[in-house]
């Protein structure tokens, strides 16, 4: 993403334990927010959280943001698009219910990678159940890394609306996502306005930060480019509770190497402590010496 140095996080509100910041200074055609709250910080710092608890951790911040959008009259009637299976982690329907936002219907899409010779060759919609709510707000909850799935599904949905002579008012996205998403959504808005000039654009909410992805296999050699997020970014932004300048997000790969080196040293030390004093390594155990 270009011109990060000109982008600032401007405090928007701090209510019910939820702090919201808006991106400013980037001359964006869309709106981008970063939201921070105790449960989302816990989620991003605790890999052991799985299953329903992931969904539950996102409810407070999602509900508060929808309340804010409702007060700003950015959403009146909603249609939720669930991109399977990632969307199942995002509590959009429950949060709408809590904030008295009427959900007219829920649509489903399954976008899956197609492989050729063990390489990703493209994407394919294998399941589709779309419903049309004209002039509504389309809501989506999904991870945005490379953004290919999002582009594929949004073009599929907008084509569906156009074939039926309908249009969308705007699109709200909740995501644990990266910088690539901003570039993609800016381009998609310009593309959509060519056939829907009154389209209000995207409103995107990032939980705890806007992360960067690896551009290569990384230090470990196992990371997928434009798919895996930098772990230090997640840790750093969460520790700062969302109150960070963008220069902090742009951590170098050297810093990641430092984190990895420390982790490996601790792992080796623990391994030595637990196992080197064992008969397998030619050293008598305490039990043998006593006997």
C-alpha atoms as a PDB file:
ATOM      1  CA  UNK A   1       0.000   0.000   0.000  1.00  0.00           C
ATOM      2  CA  UNK A   2       1.410   3.364  -1.020  1.00  0.00           C
ATOM      3  CA  UNK A   3       1.614   6.569   1.036  1.00  0.00           C
ATOM      4  CA  UNK A   4       1.305   4.891   4.453  1.00  0.00           C
ATOM      5  CA  UNK A   5       3.270   7.767   5.964  1.00  0.00           C
ATOM      6  CA  UNK A   6       0.365  10.103   5.198  1.00  0.00           C
ATOM      7  CA  UNK A   7      -2.225   7.858   6.853  1.00  0.00           C
ATOM      8  CA  UNK A   8      -3.265   8.447  10.455  1.00  0.00           C
ATOM      9  CA  UNK A   9      -5.580   6.726  12.900  1.00  0.00           C
ATOM     10  CA  UNK A  10      -8.048   9.306  14.179  1.00  0.00           C
ATOM     11  CA  UNK A  11     -10.077   8.465  17.335  1.00  0.00           C
ATOM     12  CA  UNK A  12     -13.761   8.149  16.414  1.00  0.00           C
ATOM     13  CA  UNK A  13     -15.337   7.025  19.707  1.00  0.00           C
ATOM     14  CA  UNK A  14     -14.626   5.117  22.913  1.00  0.00           C
ATOM     15  CA  UNK A  15     -17.771   3.621  24.405  1.00  0.00           C
ATOM     16  CA  UNK A  16     -18.703   0.449  26.304  1.00  0.00           C
ATOM     17  CA  UNK A  17     -15.041  -0.569  26.392  1.00  0.00           C
ATOM     18  CA  UNK A  18     -14.779  -0.396  22.598  1.00  0.00           C
ATOM     19  CA  UNK A  19     -12.294   2.025  21.032  1.00  0.00           C
ATOM     20  CA  UNK A  20     -12.782   2.922  17.377  1.00  0.00           C
ATOM     21  CA  UNK A  21     -10.322   4.681  15.080  1.00  0.00           C
ATOM     22  CA  UNK A  22     -10.803   5.869  11.510  1.00  0.00           C
ATOM     23  CA  UNK A  23      -8.177   6.002   8.782  1.00  0.00           C
ATOM     24  CA  UNK A  24      -7.584   9.552   7.598  1.00  0.00           C
ATOM     25  CA  UNK A  25      -5.200  11.213   5.177  1.00  0.00           C
ATOM     26  CA  UNK A  26      -5.214   8.577   2.484  1.00  0.00           C
ATOM     27  CA  UNK A  27      -7.752  10.207   0.131  1.00  0.00           C
ATOM     28  CA  UNK A  28      -9.825   7.032   0.211  1.00  0.00           C
ATOM     29  CA  UNK A  29     -13.124   6.633  -1.609  1.00  0.00           C
ATOM     30  CA  UNK A  30     -14.240   4.216   1.121  1.00  0.00           C
ATOM     31  CA  UNK A  31     -14.309   4.290   4.924  1.00  0.00           C
ATOM     32  CA  UNK A  32     -11.875   2.198   6.987  1.00  0.00           C
ATOM     33  CA  UNK A  33     -11.980   1.682  10.749  1.00  0.00           C
ATOM     34  CA  UNK A  34      -9.857  -0.124  13.336  1.00  0.00           C
ATOM     35  CA  UNK A  35     -11.722  -1.327  16.412  1.00  0.00           C
ATOM     36  CA  UNK A  36     -10.099  -2.487  19.652  1.00  0.00           C
ATOM     37  CA  UNK A  37     -11.708  -4.219  22.629  1.00  0.00           C
ATOM     38  CA  UNK A  38     -10.619  -6.573  25.437  1.00  0.00           C
ATOM     39  CA  UNK A  39     -12.145  -9.706  23.904  1.00  0.00           C
ATOM     40  CA  UNK A  40     -10.671  -9.147  20.444  1.00  0.00           C
ATOM     41  CA  UNK A  41      -7.262  -8.480  21.989  1.00  0.00           C
ATOM     42  CA  UNK A  42      -7.564 -11.754  23.890  1.00  0.00           C
ATOM     43  CA  UNK A  43      -8.532 -13.569  20.694  1.00  0.00           C
ATOM     44  CA  UNK A  44      -5.599 -12.279  18.669  1.00  0.00           C
ATOM     45  CA  UNK A  45      -3.085 -12.992  21.435  1.00  0.00           C
ATOM     46  CA  UNK A  46      -4.330 -16.473  22.348  1.00  0.00           C
ATOM     47  CA  UNK A  47      -3.962 -19.085  19.588  1.00  0.00           C
ATOM     48  CA  UNK A  48      -5.606 -21.670  21.849  1.00  0.00           C
ATOM     49  CA  UNK A  49      -8.997 -19.972  21.387  1.00  0.00           C
ATOM     50  CA  UNK A  50     -10.997 -22.027  18.899  1.00  0.00           C
ATOM     51  CA  UNK A  51     -14.570 -22.896  18.029  1.00  0.00           C
ATOM     52  CA  UNK A  52     -17.484 -20.941  19.448  1.00  0.00           C
ATOM     53  CA  UNK A  53     -15.238 -18.802  21.660  1.00  0.00           C
ATOM     54  CA  UNK A  54     -13.773 -17.163  18.519  1.00  0.00           C
ATOM     55  CA  UNK A  55     -17.295 -16.115  17.527  1.00  0.00           C
ATOM     56  CA  UNK A  56     -18.092 -14.985  21.065  1.00  0.00           C
ATOM     57  CA  UNK A  57     -14.976 -12.795  21.353  1.00  0.00           C
ATOM     58  CA  UNK A  58     -16.061 -10.760  18.321  1.00  0.00           C
ATOM     59  CA  UNK A  59     -19.587  -9.958  19.563  1.00  0.00           C
ATOM     60  CA  UNK A  60     -18.904  -6.846  21.751  1.00  0.00           C
ATOM     61  CA  UNK A  61     -16.882  -4.907  19.168  1.00  0.00           C
ATOM     62  CA  UNK A  62     -19.077  -5.980  16.230  1.00  0.00           C
ATOM     63  CA  UNK A  63     -22.268  -4.961  18.056  1.00  0.00           C
ATOM     64  CA  UNK A  64     -20.844  -1.585  19.083  1.00  0.00           C
ATOM     65  CA  UNK A  65     -19.727  -0.809  15.530  1.00  0.00           C
ATOM     66  CA  UNK A  66     -23.150  -1.717  14.122  1.00  0.00           C
ATOM     67  CA  UNK A  67     -24.781   0.517  16.718  1.00  0.00           C
ATOM     68  CA  UNK A  68     -22.491   3.339  15.573  1.00  0.00           C
ATOM     69  CA  UNK A  69     -23.321   2.736  11.896  1.00  0.00           C
ATOM     70  CA  UNK A  70     -27.037   2.665  12.681  1.00  0.00           C
ATOM     71  CA  UNK A  71     -26.783   5.999  14.523  1.00  0.00           C
ATOM     72  CA  UNK A  72     -24.881   7.452  11.560  1.00  0.00           C
ATOM     73  CA  UNK A  73     -27.654   6.109   9.257  1.00  0.00           C
ATOM     74  CA  UNK A  74     -25.122   4.108   7.263  1.00  0.00           C
ATOM     75  CA  UNK A  75     -27.271   0.977   7.577  1.00  0.00           C
ATOM     76  CA  UNK A  76     -31.036   0.539   7.701  1.00  0.00           C
ATOM     77  CA  UNK A  77     -31.931  -2.817   6.148  1.00  0.00           C
ATOM     78  CA  UNK A  78     -29.352  -5.562   5.819  1.00  0.00           C
ATOM     79  CA  UNK A  79     -28.615  -8.681   3.814  1.00  0.00           C
ATOM     80  CA  UNK A  80     -25.792 -10.848   5.147  1.00  0.00           C
ATOM     81  CA  UNK A  81     -23.452 -12.643   2.744  1.00  0.00           C
ATOM     82  CA  UNK A  82     -21.762 -15.679   4.322  1.00  0.00           C
ATOM     83  CA  UNK A  83     -18.648 -16.730   2.416  1.00  0.00           C
ATOM     84  CA  UNK A  84     -18.169 -20.281   3.644  1.00  0.00           C
ATOM     85  CA  UNK A  85     -16.598 -21.304   5.887  1.00  0.00           C
ATOM     86  CA  UNK A  86     -14.776 -18.277   7.283  1.00  0.00           C
ATOM     87  CA  UNK A  87     -17.963 -16.267   7.720  1.00  0.00           C
ATOM     88  CA  UNK A  88     -19.169 -18.666  10.417  1.00  0.00           C
ATOM     89  CA  UNK A  89     -16.705 -17.044  12.850  1.00  0.00           C
ATOM     90  CA  UNK A  90     -18.271 -13.581  12.513  1.00  0.00           C
ATOM     91  CA  UNK A  91     -21.378 -12.781  14.637  1.00  0.00           C
ATOM     92  CA  UNK A  92     -23.128 -10.487  12.153  1.00  0.00           C
ATOM     93  CA  UNK A  93     -26.665 -11.788  12.555  1.00  0.00           C
ATOM     94  CA  UNK A  94     -26.509 -11.846  16.359  1.00  0.00           C
ATOM     95  CA  UNK A  95     -24.974  -8.359  16.486  1.00  0.00           C
ATOM     96  CA  UNK A  96     -27.687  -7.008  14.171  1.00  0.00           C
ATOM     97  CA  UNK A  97     -30.326  -8.565  16.429  1.00  0.00           C
ATOM     98  CA  UNK A  98     -28.773  -6.941  19.503  1.00  0.00           C
ATOM     99  CA  UNK A  99     -28.722  -3.522  17.827  1.00  0.00           C
ATOM    100  CA  UNK A 100     -32.237  -3.833  16.335  1.00  0.00           C
ATOM    101  CA  UNK A 101     -31.074  -3.874  12.728  1.00  0.00           C
ATOM    102  CA  UNK A 102     -33.417  -5.884  10.561  1.00  0.00           C
ATOM    103  CA  UNK A 103     -31.748  -8.675   8.586  1.00  0.00           C
ATOM    104  CA  UNK A 104     -33.974  -9.415   5.597  1.00  0.00           C
ATOM    105  CA  UNK A 105     -32.090 -12.502   4.506  1.00  0.00           C
ATOM    106  CA  UNK A 106     -28.788 -14.382   4.540  1.00  0.00           C
ATOM    107  CA  UNK A 107     -27.003 -15.460   1.368  1.00  0.00           C
ATOM    108  CA  UNK A 108     -24.343 -18.176   1.106  1.00  0.00           C
ATOM    109  CA  UNK A 109     -21.395 -18.690  -1.217  1.00  0.00           C
ATOM    110  CA  UNK A 110     -18.665 -21.301  -1.143  1.00  0.00           C
ATOM    111  CA  UNK A 111     -15.499 -20.175  -2.917  1.00  0.00           C
ATOM    112  CA  UNK A 112     -12.823 -22.854  -3.053  1.00  0.00           C
ATOM    113  CA  UNK A 113      -9.327 -22.939  -4.473  1.00  0.00           C
ATOM    114  CA  UNK A 114      -8.723 -24.979  -7.604  1.00  0.00           C
ATOM    115  CA  UNK A 115      -5.352 -26.766  -7.759  1.00  0.00           C
ATOM    116  CA  UNK A 116      -3.336 -27.866 -10.787  1.00  0.00           C
ATOM    117  CA  UNK A 117      -0.025 -29.676 -10.335  1.00  0.00           C
ATOM    118  CA  UNK A 118      -0.147 -28.878  -6.610  1.00  0.00           C
ATOM    119  CA  UNK A 119      -0.360 -25.131  -7.369  1.00  0.00           C
ATOM    120  CA  UNK A 120      -3.335 -22.817  -6.858  1.00  0.00           C
ATOM    121  CA  UNK A 121      -4.829 -22.309 -10.313  1.00  0.00           C
ATOM    122  CA  UNK A 122      -7.869 -20.206  -9.411  1.00  0.00           C
ATOM    123  CA  UNK A 123     -11.137 -20.056  -7.497  1.00  0.00           C
ATOM    124  CA  UNK A 124     -14.477 -21.731  -8.096  1.00  0.00           C
ATOM    125  CA  UNK A 125     -17.962 -21.069  -6.682  1.00  0.00           C
ATOM    126  CA  UNK A 126     -19.122 -24.573  -5.737  1.00  0.00           C
ATOM    127  CA  UNK A 127     -22.232 -23.615  -3.768  1.00  0.00           C
ATOM    128  CA  UNK A 128     -24.495 -20.599  -4.135  1.00  0.00           C
ATOM    129  CA  UNK A 129     -27.717 -19.592  -2.406  1.00  0.00           C
ATOM    130  CA  UNK A 130     -28.271 -15.905  -3.067  1.00  0.00           C
ATOM    131  CA  UNK A 131     -31.230 -13.752  -2.132  1.00  0.00           C
ATOM    132  CA  UNK A 132     -31.781 -10.225  -3.360  1.00  0.00           C
ATOM    133  CA  UNK A 133     -32.655  -7.248  -1.130  1.00  0.00           C
ATOM    134  CA  UNK A 134     -32.651  -4.146  -3.377  1.00  0.00           C
ATOM    135  CA  UNK A 135     -31.083  -0.918  -2.060  1.00  0.00           C
ATOM    136  CA  UNK A 136     -29.916  -2.661   1.110  1.00  0.00           C
ATOM    137  CA  UNK A 137     -26.612  -2.892   2.951  1.00  0.00           C
ATOM    138  CA  UNK A 138     -24.707  -6.083   2.199  1.00  0.00           C
ATOM    139  CA  UNK A 139     -22.771  -7.300   5.267  1.00  0.00           C
ATOM    140  CA  UNK A 140     -19.775  -9.616   5.071  1.00  0.00           C
ATOM    141  CA  UNK A 141     -17.510 -11.118   7.725  1.00  0.00           C
ATOM    142  CA  UNK A 142     -14.325 -12.759   6.458  1.00  0.00           C
ATOM    143  CA  UNK A 143     -10.531 -12.697   6.565  1.00  0.00           C
ATOM    144  CA  UNK A 144      -8.891 -10.528   3.907  1.00  0.00           C
ATOM    145  CA  UNK A 145      -5.332 -11.595   3.065  1.00  0.00           C
ATOM    146  CA  UNK A 146      -4.716 -11.839  -0.677  1.00  0.00           C
ATOM    147  CA  UNK A 147      -8.315 -10.716  -1.233  1.00  0.00           C
ATOM    148  CA  UNK A 148      -8.849 -13.064  -4.192  1.00  0.00           C
ATOM    149  CA  UNK A 149     -11.837 -14.781  -2.568  1.00  0.00           C
ATOM    150  CA  UNK A 150     -13.468 -11.450  -1.748  1.00  0.00           C
ATOM    151  CA  UNK A 151     -13.050 -10.136  -5.304  1.00  0.00           C
ATOM    152  CA  UNK A 152     -14.412 -13.360  -6.786  1.00  0.00           C
ATOM    153  CA  UNK A 153     -17.487 -13.420  -4.524  1.00  0.00           C
ATOM    154  CA  UNK A 154     -18.314  -9.704  -4.772  1.00  0.00           C
ATOM    155  CA  UNK A 155     -18.247  -9.777  -8.564  1.00  0.00           C
ATOM    156  CA  UNK A 156     -20.477 -12.846  -8.458  1.00  0.00           C
ATOM    157  CA  UNK A 157     -22.985 -11.056  -6.184  1.00  0.00           C
ATOM    158  CA  UNK A 158     -23.021  -7.756  -8.077  1.00  0.00           C
ATOM    159  CA  UNK A 159     -23.574  -9.650 -11.354  1.00  0.00           C
ATOM    160  CA  UNK A 160     -26.522 -11.418  -9.700  1.00  0.00           C
ATOM    161  CA  UNK A 161     -28.069  -8.101  -8.659  1.00  0.00           C
ATOM    162  CA  UNK A 162     -27.508  -6.525 -12.070  1.00  0.00           C
ATOM    163  CA  UNK A 163     -29.140  -9.450 -13.897  1.00  0.00           C
ATOM    164  CA  UNK A 164     -32.204  -8.947 -11.732  1.00  0.00           C
ATOM    165  CA  UNK A 165     -32.304  -5.172 -12.253  1.00  0.00           C
ATOM    166  CA  UNK A 166     -31.423  -4.345  -8.620  1.00  0.00           C
ATOM    167  CA  UNK A 167     -28.573  -2.608  -6.826  1.00  0.00           C
ATOM    168  CA  UNK A 168     -26.923  -2.312  -3.415  1.00  0.00           C
ATOM    169  CA  UNK A 169     -26.723   0.823  -1.317  1.00  0.00           C
ATOM    170  CA  UNK A 170     -23.358  -0.012   0.302  1.00  0.00           C
ATOM    171  CA  UNK A 171     -21.295  -2.917   1.661  1.00  0.00           C
ATOM    172  CA  UNK A 172     -20.021  -3.301   5.244  1.00  0.00           C
ATOM    173  CA  UNK A 173     -17.133  -5.705   5.877  1.00  0.00           C
ATOM    174  CA  UNK A 174     -15.846  -6.944   9.246  1.00  0.00           C
ATOM    175  CA  UNK A 175     -12.424  -8.537   8.999  1.00  0.00           C
ATOM    176  CA  UNK A 176      -9.228  -9.700  10.577  1.00  0.00           C
ATOM    177  CA  UNK A 177      -7.333  -8.553   7.548  1.00  0.00           C
ATOM    178  CA  UNK A 178      -4.389  -6.932   5.883  1.00  0.00           C
ATOM    179  CA  UNK A 179      -3.322  -3.896   3.919  1.00  0.00           C
ATOM    180  CA  UNK A 180      -4.061  -5.604   0.602  1.00  0.00           C
ATOM    181  CA  UNK A 181      -7.767  -5.277   1.350  1.00  0.00           C
ATOM    182  CA  UNK A 182      -7.693  -1.495   1.155  1.00  0.00           C
ATOM    183  CA  UNK A 183      -6.164  -1.487  -2.324  1.00  0.00           C
ATOM    184  CA  UNK A 184      -8.666  -4.106  -3.512  1.00  0.00           C
ATOM    185  CA  UNK A 185     -11.736  -2.341  -2.126  1.00  0.00           C
ATOM    186  CA  UNK A 186     -10.683   1.027  -3.528  1.00  0.00           C
ATOM    187  CA  UNK A 187     -10.487  -0.531  -7.005  1.00  0.00           C
ATOM    188  CA  UNK A 188     -13.767  -2.432  -6.572  1.00  0.00           C
ATOM    189  CA  UNK A 189     -15.634   0.742  -5.613  1.00  0.00           C
ATOM    190  CA  UNK A 190     -14.517   2.498  -8.790  1.00  0.00           C
ATOM    191  CA  UNK A 191     -15.477  -0.604 -10.780  1.00  0.00           C
ATOM    192  CA  UNK A 192     -18.955  -0.860  -9.183  1.00  0.00           C
ATOM    193  CA  UNK A 193     -19.697   2.856  -9.645  1.00  0.00           C
ATOM    194  CA  UNK A 194     -19.356   2.403 -13.394  1.00  0.00           C
ATOM    195  CA  UNK A 195     -22.718   0.578 -13.380  1.00  0.00           C
ATOM    196  CA  UNK A 196     -24.095   1.841 -10.011  1.00  0.00           C
ATOM    197  CA  UNK A 197     -23.082   5.538  -9.863  1.00  0.00           C
ATOM    198  CA  UNK A 198     -24.962   6.044  -6.566  1.00  0.00           C
ATOM    199  CA  UNK A 199     -23.141   3.204  -4.793  1.00  0.00           C
ATOM    200  CA  UNK A 200     -21.947   4.627  -1.452  1.00  0.00           C
ATOM    201  CA  UNK A 201     -18.914   2.358  -1.252  1.00  0.00           C
ATOM    202  CA  UNK A 202     -17.399   0.003   1.297  1.00  0.00           C
ATOM    203  CA  UNK A 203     -17.244   0.475   5.053  1.00  0.00           C
ATOM    204  CA  UNK A 204     -14.555  -1.837   6.411  1.00  0.00           C
ATOM    205  CA  UNK A 205     -13.910  -2.621  10.068  1.00  0.00           C
ATOM    206  CA  UNK A 206     -10.570  -4.184  11.002  1.00  0.00           C
ATOM    207  CA  UNK A 207     -10.246  -5.886  14.380  1.00  0.00           C
ATOM    208  CA  UNK A 208      -7.199  -4.650  16.343  1.00  0.00           C
ATOM    209  CA  UNK A 209      -5.074  -3.590  13.394  1.00  0.00           C
ATOM    210  CA  UNK A 210      -4.402  -3.682   9.680  1.00  0.00           C
ATOM    211  CA  UNK A 211      -1.801  -6.367   9.213  1.00  0.00           C
ATOM    212  CA  UNK A 212       0.800  -7.159   6.576  1.00  0.00           C
ATOM    213  CA  UNK A 213       1.313 -10.495   4.853  1.00  0.00           C
ATOM    214  CA  UNK A 214       4.478 -12.278   3.841  1.00  0.00           C
ATOM    215  CA  UNK A 215       5.644 -11.541   0.322  1.00  0.00           C
ATOM    216  CA  UNK A 216       7.748 -14.712   0.263  1.00  0.00           C
ATOM    217  CA  UNK A 217       8.085 -17.920   2.296  1.00  0.00           C
ATOM    218  CA  UNK A 218       9.620 -15.983   5.190  1.00  0.00           C
ATOM    219  CA  UNK A 219      12.278 -17.032   7.687  1.00  0.00           C
ATOM    220  CA  UNK A 220      10.592 -20.359   8.438  1.00  0.00           C
ATOM    221  CA  UNK A 221      10.219 -21.230   4.735  1.00  0.00           C
ATOM    222  CA  UNK A 222       6.634 -22.433   5.186  1.00  0.00           C
ATOM    223  CA  UNK A 223       4.624 -19.230   4.845  1.00  0.00           C
ATOM    224  CA  UNK A 224       2.322 -18.692   1.869  1.00  0.00           C
ATOM    225  CA  UNK A 225       2.887 -15.293   0.203  1.00  0.00           C
ATOM    226  CA  UNK A 226      -0.087 -12.895   0.495  1.00  0.00           C
ATOM    227  CA  UNK A 227      -1.870 -15.433   2.733  1.00  0.00           C
ATOM    228  CA  UNK A 228      -0.024 -15.634   6.080  1.00  0.00           C
ATOM    229  CA  UNK A 229       0.065 -12.550   8.312  1.00  0.00           C
ATOM    230  CA  UNK A 230       3.160 -11.350  10.155  1.00  0.00           C
ATOM    231  CA  UNK A 231       2.775 -12.612  13.732  1.00  0.00           C
ATOM    232  CA  UNK A 232       4.690  -9.686  15.354  1.00  0.00           C
ATOM    233  CA  UNK A 233       2.197  -7.269  13.791  1.00  0.00           C
ATOM    234  CA  UNK A 234      -0.665  -9.041  15.474  1.00  0.00           C
ATOM    235  CA  UNK A 235       1.148  -9.107  18.816  1.00  0.00           C
ATOM    236  CA  UNK A 236       2.314  -5.498  18.623  1.00  0.00           C
ATOM    237  CA  UNK A 237      -0.991  -3.929  17.656  1.00  0.00           C
ATOM    238  CA  UNK A 238      -2.832  -5.908  20.301  1.00  0.00           C
ATOM    239  CA  UNK A 239      -0.396  -4.892  23.027  1.00  0.00           C
ATOM    240  CA  UNK A 240      -0.849  -1.275  22.004  1.00  0.00           C
ATOM    241  CA  UNK A 241      -4.640  -1.711  22.321  1.00  0.00           C
ATOM    242  CA  UNK A 242      -5.143  -0.332  18.862  1.00  0.00           C
ATOM    243  CA  UNK A 243      -3.578   3.047  19.745  1.00  0.00           C
ATOM    244  CA  UNK A 244      -0.670   2.921  17.331  1.00  0.00           C
ATOM    245  CA  UNK A 245       0.763   5.067  14.533  1.00  0.00           C
ATOM    246  CA  UNK A 246       1.218   3.330  11.214  1.00  0.00           C
ATOM    247  CA  UNK A 247       4.980   3.430  11.496  1.00  0.00           C
ATOM    248  CA  UNK A 248       4.592   0.836  14.268  1.00  0.00           C
ATOM    249  CA  UNK A 249       2.745  -1.488  11.915  1.00  0.00           C
ATOM    250  CA  UNK A 250       5.597  -1.419   9.437  1.00  0.00           C
ATOM    251  CA  UNK A 251       7.903  -3.676  11.447  1.00  0.00           C
ATOM    252  CA  UNK A 252      10.860  -5.072   9.558  1.00  0.00           C
ATOM    253  CA  UNK A 253      11.502  -8.720   8.816  1.00  0.00           C
ATOM    254  CA  UNK A 254      14.589  -8.374  11.021  1.00  0.00           C
ATOM    255  CA  UNK A 255      12.332  -7.869  14.035  1.00  0.00           C
ATOM    256  CA  UNK A 256      10.460 -11.035  13.161  1.00  0.00           C
ATOM    257  CA  UNK A 257      13.794 -12.864  12.951  1.00  0.00           C
ATOM    258  CA  UNK A 258      14.588 -11.621  16.456  1.00  0.00           C
ATOM    259  CA  UNK A 259      11.277 -12.942  17.797  1.00  0.00           C
ATOM    260  CA  UNK A 260      11.864 -16.302  16.116  1.00  0.00           C
ATOM    261  CA  UNK A 261      15.453 -16.551  17.396  1.00  0.00           C
ATOM    262  CA  UNK A 262      14.387 -15.882  20.982  1.00  0.00           C
ATOM    263  CA  UNK A 263      11.634 -18.480  20.682  1.00  0.00           C
ATOM    264  CA  UNK A 264      14.040 -21.113  19.321  1.00  0.00           C
ATOM    265  CA  UNK A 265      16.609 -20.416  22.052  1.00  0.00           C
ATOM    266  CA  UNK A 266      13.960 -20.848  24.728  1.00  0.00           C
ATOM    267  CA  UNK A 267      12.765 -24.034  23.071  1.00  0.00           C
ATOM    268  CA  UNK A 268      16.293 -25.492  22.946  1.00  0.00           C
ATOM    269  CA  UNK A 269      16.916 -24.500  26.572  1.00  0.00           C
ATOM    270  CA  UNK A 270      13.702 -26.199  27.636  1.00  0.00           C
ATOM    271  CA  UNK A 271      14.631 -29.304  25.617  1.00  0.00           C
ATOM    272  CA  UNK A 272      18.033 -29.493  27.298  1.00  0.00           C
ATOM    273  CA  UNK A 273      16.553 -29.071  30.749  1.00  0.00           C
ATOM    274  CA  UNK A 274      13.917 -31.762  30.269  1.00  0.00           C
ATOM    275  CA  UNK A 275      15.752 -34.404  28.266  1.00  0.00           C
ATOM    276  CA  UNK A 276      19.534 -34.112  28.308  1.00  0.00           C
ATOM    277  CA  UNK A 277      19.736 -35.546  31.858  1.00  0.00           C
ATOM    278  CA  UNK A 278      18.374 -38.853  30.691  1.00  0.00           C
ATOM    279  CA  UNK A 279      19.982 -42.288  30.059  1.00  0.00           C
ATOM    280  CA  UNK A 280      19.202 -41.920  26.350  1.00  0.00           C
ATOM    281  CA  UNK A 281      21.867 -39.179  26.193  1.00  0.00           C
ATOM    282  CA  UNK A 282      24.422 -41.174  28.201  1.00  0.00           C
ATOM    283  CA  UNK A 283      23.757 -39.395  31.502  1.00  0.00           C
ATOM    284  CA  UNK A 284      22.426 -41.197  34.541  1.00  0.00           C
ATOM    285  CA  UNK A 285      19.032 -40.043  35.701  1.00  0.00           C
ATOM    286  CA  UNK A 286      18.437 -38.971  39.309  1.00  0.00           C
ATOM    287  CA  UNK A 287      16.471 -42.162  39.885  1.00  0.00           C
ATOM    288  CA  UNK A 288      19.395 -44.351  38.777  1.00  0.00           C
ATOM    289  CA  UNK A 289      21.866 -42.500  40.980  1.00  0.00           C
ATOM    290  CA  UNK A 290      19.644 -42.956  44.048  1.00  0.00           C
ATOM    291  CA  UNK A 291      19.242 -46.649  43.348  1.00  0.00           C
END
